[in-house]
Amino acid sequence: MLGEIIRTSSMRNPTTNSIAGYMNNEVSIQLQESGVDFICCDNPHMGKSMIQVTAVFAEMEADKISQRTKEALDAKKRRGEPTGASSWKDRSGVLSAKNQEKGRSIAAASIRAKAAEFAALVLPTINDIRVNNPSITAMA
């Protein structure tokens, strides 16, 4: 049920690691007024009031992020700098070969960095499995 409420609400980007970060204030109020007993799996001690407070702060932070982004784009436009995809395109509206390569390089570097971060996160678990379960059949 909660998944459906979240999908049908005007969901904003989460700013917390809790389910409340996925809900705007309206959804948390609906949940509270529904009378449904609700427990956050990731924080079972969080009561209805804390869920609402967290949702309010998450919505406030999303609004601040949106405002800062708009202000930064406006400032860039005032300086005469290109914004968005148009800054990568030539006069014909097509990405030049140079900018295509630049975009691929940026994307590849980002993917490599995220992969390295994830590998560092899971490596201790993998090493533990290797040490404590020397064979694949032992893991099964």
C-alpha atoms as a PDB file:
ATOM      1  CA  MET A   1       0.000   0.000   0.000  1.00  0.00           C
ATOM      2  CA  LEU A   2       2.751   2.448   0.912  1.00  0.00           C
ATOM      3  CA  GLY A   3       4.474   1.835  -2.409  1.00  0.00           C
ATOM      4  CA  GLU A   4       1.256   2.800  -4.213  1.00  0.00           C
ATOM      5  CA  ILE A   5       0.871   5.953  -2.107  1.00  0.00           C
ATOM      6  CA  ILE A   6       4.445   6.957  -2.890  1.00  0.00           C
ATOM      7  CA  ARG A   7       4.052   6.245  -6.635  1.00  0.00           C
ATOM      8  CA  THR A   8       0.829   8.235  -6.929  1.00  0.00           C
ATOM      9  CA  SER A   9       1.986  11.189  -4.842  1.00  0.00           C
ATOM     10  CA  SER A  10       4.009  14.104  -6.119  1.00  0.00           C
ATOM     11  CA  MET A  11       7.182  12.342  -4.987  1.00  0.00           C
ATOM     12  CA  ARG A  12      10.362  14.350  -4.566  1.00  0.00           C
ATOM     13  CA  ASN A  13      13.975  13.216  -4.495  1.00  0.00           C
ATOM     14  CA  PRO A  14      14.851  11.509  -1.208  1.00  0.00           C
ATOM     15  CA  THR A  15      17.199  13.458   1.042  1.00  0.00           C
ATOM     16  CA  THR A  16      17.411  10.841   3.780  1.00  0.00           C
ATOM     17  CA  ASN A  17      18.036   7.108   3.953  1.00  0.00           C
ATOM     18  CA  SER A  18      14.649   6.561   5.587  1.00  0.00           C
ATOM     19  CA  ILE A  19      11.346   5.801   3.869  1.00  0.00           C
ATOM     20  CA  ALA A  20      10.177   9.206   5.108  1.00  0.00           C
ATOM     21  CA  GLY A  21      12.686  10.764   2.727  1.00  0.00           C
ATOM     22  CA  TYR A  22      10.563   9.432  -0.146  1.00  0.00           C
ATOM     23  CA  MET A  23       7.358  10.975   1.102  1.00  0.00           C
ATOM     24  CA  ASN A  24       6.306  14.559   0.898  1.00  0.00           C
ATOM     25  CA  ASN A  25       4.354  16.105   3.733  1.00  0.00           C
ATOM     26  CA  GLU A  26       1.010  15.411   2.028  1.00  0.00           C
ATOM     27  CA  VAL A  27       1.663  11.669   1.885  1.00  0.00           C
ATOM     28  CA  SER A  28       2.785  11.535   5.512  1.00  0.00           C
ATOM     29  CA  ILE A  29      -0.416  13.337   6.552  1.00  0.00           C
ATOM     30  CA  GLN A  30      -2.528  10.880   4.506  1.00  0.00           C
ATOM     31  CA  LEU A  31      -0.717   7.990   6.152  1.00  0.00           C
ATOM     32  CA  GLN A  32      -1.258   9.428   9.607  1.00  0.00           C
ATOM     33  CA  GLU A  33      -4.969  10.143   9.001  1.00  0.00           C
ATOM     34  CA  SER A  34      -5.565   6.674   7.519  1.00  0.00           C
ATOM     35  CA  GLY A  35      -5.265   5.047  10.925  1.00  0.00           C
ATOM     36  CA  VAL A  36      -2.965   2.371   9.501  1.00  0.00           C
ATOM     37  CA  ASP A  37      -0.340   1.109  11.916  1.00  0.00           C
ATOM     38  CA  PHE A  38       2.942   1.920  10.265  1.00  0.00           C
ATOM     39  CA  ILE A  39       6.444   0.736  11.076  1.00  0.00           C
ATOM     40  CA  CYS A  40       9.549   1.853   9.172  1.00  0.00           C
ATOM     41  CA  CYS A  41      11.610  -1.249   8.482  1.00  0.00           C
ATOM     42  CA  ASP A  42      14.805   0.802   8.436  1.00  0.00           C
ATOM     43  CA  ASN A  43      13.923   2.602  11.687  1.00  0.00           C
ATOM     44  CA  PRO A  44      11.229   0.752  13.681  1.00  0.00           C
ATOM     45  CA  HIS A  45      11.388   3.288  16.541  1.00  0.00           C
ATOM     46  CA  MET A  46      10.281   6.143  14.287  1.00  0.00           C
ATOM     47  CA  GLY A  47       6.731   7.100  15.204  1.00  0.00           C
ATOM     48  CA  LYS A  48       4.092   8.811  13.100  1.00  0.00           C
ATOM     49  CA  SER A  49       5.127  12.276  14.286  1.00  0.00           C
ATOM     50  CA  MET A  50       8.785  11.695  13.429  1.00  0.00           C
ATOM     51  CA  ILE A  51       7.807  10.405   9.994  1.00  0.00           C
ATOM     52  CA  GLN A  52       5.875  13.614   9.380  1.00  0.00           C
ATOM     53  CA  VAL A  53       8.711  15.823  10.657  1.00  0.00           C
ATOM     54  CA  THR A  54      11.233  13.956   8.510  1.00  0.00           C
ATOM     55  CA  ALA A  55       8.978  14.301   5.467  1.00  0.00           C
ATOM     56  CA  VAL A  56       8.614  18.049   6.080  1.00  0.00           C
ATOM     57  CA  PHE A  57      12.385  18.488   6.272  1.00  0.00           C
ATOM     58  CA  ALA A  58      12.931  16.326   3.186  1.00  0.00           C
ATOM     59  CA  GLU A  59      10.444  18.437   1.230  1.00  0.00           C
ATOM     60  CA  MET A  60      12.053  21.643   2.495  1.00  0.00           C
ATOM     61  CA  GLU A  61      15.502  20.427   1.436  1.00  0.00           C
ATOM     62  CA  ALA A  62      14.195  19.440  -2.013  1.00  0.00           C
ATOM     63  CA  ASP A  63      12.778  22.955  -2.411  1.00  0.00           C
ATOM     64  CA  LYS A  64      16.121  24.492  -1.390  1.00  0.00           C
ATOM     65  CA  ILE A  65      18.002  22.304  -3.869  1.00  0.00           C
ATOM     66  CA  SER A  66      15.587  23.316  -6.618  1.00  0.00           C
ATOM     67  CA  GLN A  67      15.961  27.012  -5.775  1.00  0.00           C
ATOM     68  CA  ARG A  68      19.792  26.827  -5.696  1.00  0.00           C
ATOM     69  CA  THR A  69      19.812  25.030  -9.053  1.00  0.00           C
ATOM     70  CA  LYS A  70      17.547  27.656 -10.631  1.00  0.00           C
ATOM     71  CA  GLU A  71      19.692  30.473  -9.235  1.00  0.00           C
ATOM     72  CA  ALA A  72      22.899  28.862 -10.526  1.00  0.00           C
ATOM     73  CA  LEU A  73      21.420  28.390 -14.011  1.00  0.00           C
ATOM     74  CA  ASP A  74      20.162  31.995 -14.050  1.00  0.00           C
ATOM     75  CA  ALA A  75      23.615  33.257 -13.028  1.00  0.00           C
ATOM     76  CA  LYS A  76      25.228  31.187 -15.764  1.00  0.00           C
ATOM     77  CA  LYS A  77      22.787  32.597 -18.330  1.00  0.00           C
ATOM     78  CA  ARG A  78      23.483  36.191 -17.151  1.00  0.00           C
ATOM     79  CA  ARG A  79      27.205  35.577 -17.699  1.00  0.00           C
ATOM     80  CA  GLY A  80      26.396  34.459 -21.229  1.00  0.00           C
ATOM     81  CA  GLU A  81      27.502  30.881 -20.666  1.00  0.00           C
ATOM     82  CA  PRO A  82      25.612  28.102 -22.421  1.00  0.00           C
ATOM     83  CA  THR A  83      23.452  25.758 -20.368  1.00  0.00           C
ATOM     84  CA  GLY A  84      22.055  22.289 -20.934  1.00  0.00           C
ATOM     85  CA  ALA A  85      22.598  20.070 -23.937  1.00  0.00           C
ATOM     86  CA  SER A  86      22.774  23.068 -26.274  1.00  0.00           C
ATOM     87  CA  SER A  87      26.199  23.905 -24.830  1.00  0.00           C
ATOM     88  CA  TRP A  88      27.510  20.632 -26.276  1.00  0.00           C
ATOM     89  CA  LYS A  89      26.003  21.007 -29.751  1.00  0.00           C
ATOM     90  CA  ASP A  90      27.324  22.791 -32.797  1.00  0.00           C
ATOM     91  CA  ARG A  91      25.202  25.180 -34.898  1.00  0.00           C
ATOM     92  CA  SER A  92      23.460  22.318 -36.687  1.00  0.00           C
ATOM     93  CA  GLY A  93      22.159  21.008 -33.350  1.00  0.00           C
ATOM     94  CA  VAL A  94      24.308  17.881 -33.505  1.00  0.00           C
ATOM     95  CA  LEU A  95      27.008  16.941 -31.031  1.00  0.00           C
ATOM     96  CA  SER A  96      30.413  17.315 -32.630  1.00  0.00           C
ATOM     97  CA  ALA A  97      32.752  14.311 -32.622  1.00  0.00           C
ATOM     98  CA  LYS A  98      34.982  16.154 -30.136  1.00  0.00           C
ATOM     99  CA  ASN A  99      32.111  16.759 -27.715  1.00  0.00           C
ATOM    100  CA  GLN A 100      30.821  13.206 -28.160  1.00  0.00           C
ATOM    101  CA  GLU A 101      34.242  11.925 -27.122  1.00  0.00           C
ATOM    102  CA  LYS A 102      34.387  14.393 -24.236  1.00  0.00           C
ATOM    103  CA  GLY A 103      30.972  13.200 -23.029  1.00  0.00           C
ATOM    104  CA  ARG A 104      32.004   9.548 -23.273  1.00  0.00           C
ATOM    105  CA  SER A 105      35.188  10.286 -21.304  1.00  0.00           C
ATOM    106  CA  ILE A 106      33.279  12.079 -18.551  1.00  0.00           C
ATOM    107  CA  ALA A 107      30.712   9.271 -18.344  1.00  0.00           C
ATOM    108  CA  ALA A 108      33.390   6.576 -18.294  1.00  0.00           C
ATOM    109  CA  ALA A 109      35.308   8.345 -15.517  1.00  0.00           C
ATOM    110  CA  SER A 110      32.132   8.647 -13.462  1.00  0.00           C
ATOM    111  CA  ILE A 111      31.291   4.962 -13.970  1.00  0.00           C
ATOM    112  CA  ARG A 112      34.838   3.923 -13.004  1.00  0.00           C
ATOM    113  CA  ALA A 113      34.719   6.041  -9.844  1.00  0.00           C
ATOM    114  CA  LYS A 114      31.352   4.603  -8.795  1.00  0.00           C
ATOM    115  CA  ALA A 115      32.535   1.060  -9.523  1.00  0.00           C
ATOM    116  CA  ALA A 116      35.670   1.575  -7.434  1.00  0.00           C
ATOM    117  CA  GLU A 117      33.605   2.995  -4.572  1.00  0.00           C
ATOM    118  CA  PHE A 118      31.238   0.015  -4.697  1.00  0.00           C
ATOM    119  CA  ALA A 119      34.123  -2.457  -4.929  1.00  0.00           C
ATOM    120  CA  ALA A 120      35.722  -0.938  -1.819  1.00  0.00           C
ATOM    121  CA  LEU A 121      32.396  -1.257  -0.025  1.00  0.00           C
ATOM    122  CA  VAL A 122      31.807  -4.949  -0.828  1.00  0.00           C
ATOM    123  CA  LEU A 123      35.408  -6.197  -0.857  1.00  0.00           C
ATOM    124  CA  PRO A 124      35.547  -6.924   2.901  1.00  0.00           C
ATOM    125  CA  THR A 125      32.412  -9.079   2.611  1.00  0.00           C
ATOM    126  CA  ILE A 126      33.772 -10.919  -0.414  1.00  0.00           C
ATOM    127  CA  ASN A 127      37.085 -11.556   1.337  1.00  0.00           C
ATOM    128  CA  ASP A 128      35.234 -12.812   4.410  1.00  0.00           C
ATOM    129  CA  ILE A 129      33.232 -15.243   2.259  1.00  0.00           C
ATOM    130  CA  ARG A 130      36.421 -16.463   0.574  1.00  0.00           C
ATOM    131  CA  VAL A 131      38.171 -17.055   3.897  1.00  0.00           C
ATOM    132  CA  ASN A 132      35.263 -18.700   5.688  1.00  0.00           C
ATOM    133  CA  ASN A 133      33.836 -20.629   2.699  1.00  0.00           C
ATOM    134  CA  PRO A 134      36.712 -21.955   0.612  1.00  0.00           C
ATOM    135  CA  SER A 135      34.509 -23.512  -2.054  1.00  0.00           C
ATOM    136  CA  ILE A 136      31.432 -22.549  -4.015  1.00  0.00           C
ATOM    137  CA  THR A 137      29.615 -25.667  -2.790  1.00  0.00           C
ATOM    138  CA  ALA A 138      30.324 -24.634   0.791  1.00  0.00           C
ATOM    139  CA  MET A 139      28.651 -21.270   0.114  1.00  0.00           C
ATOM    140  CA  ALA A 140      25.546 -22.986  -1.295  1.00  0.00           C
END
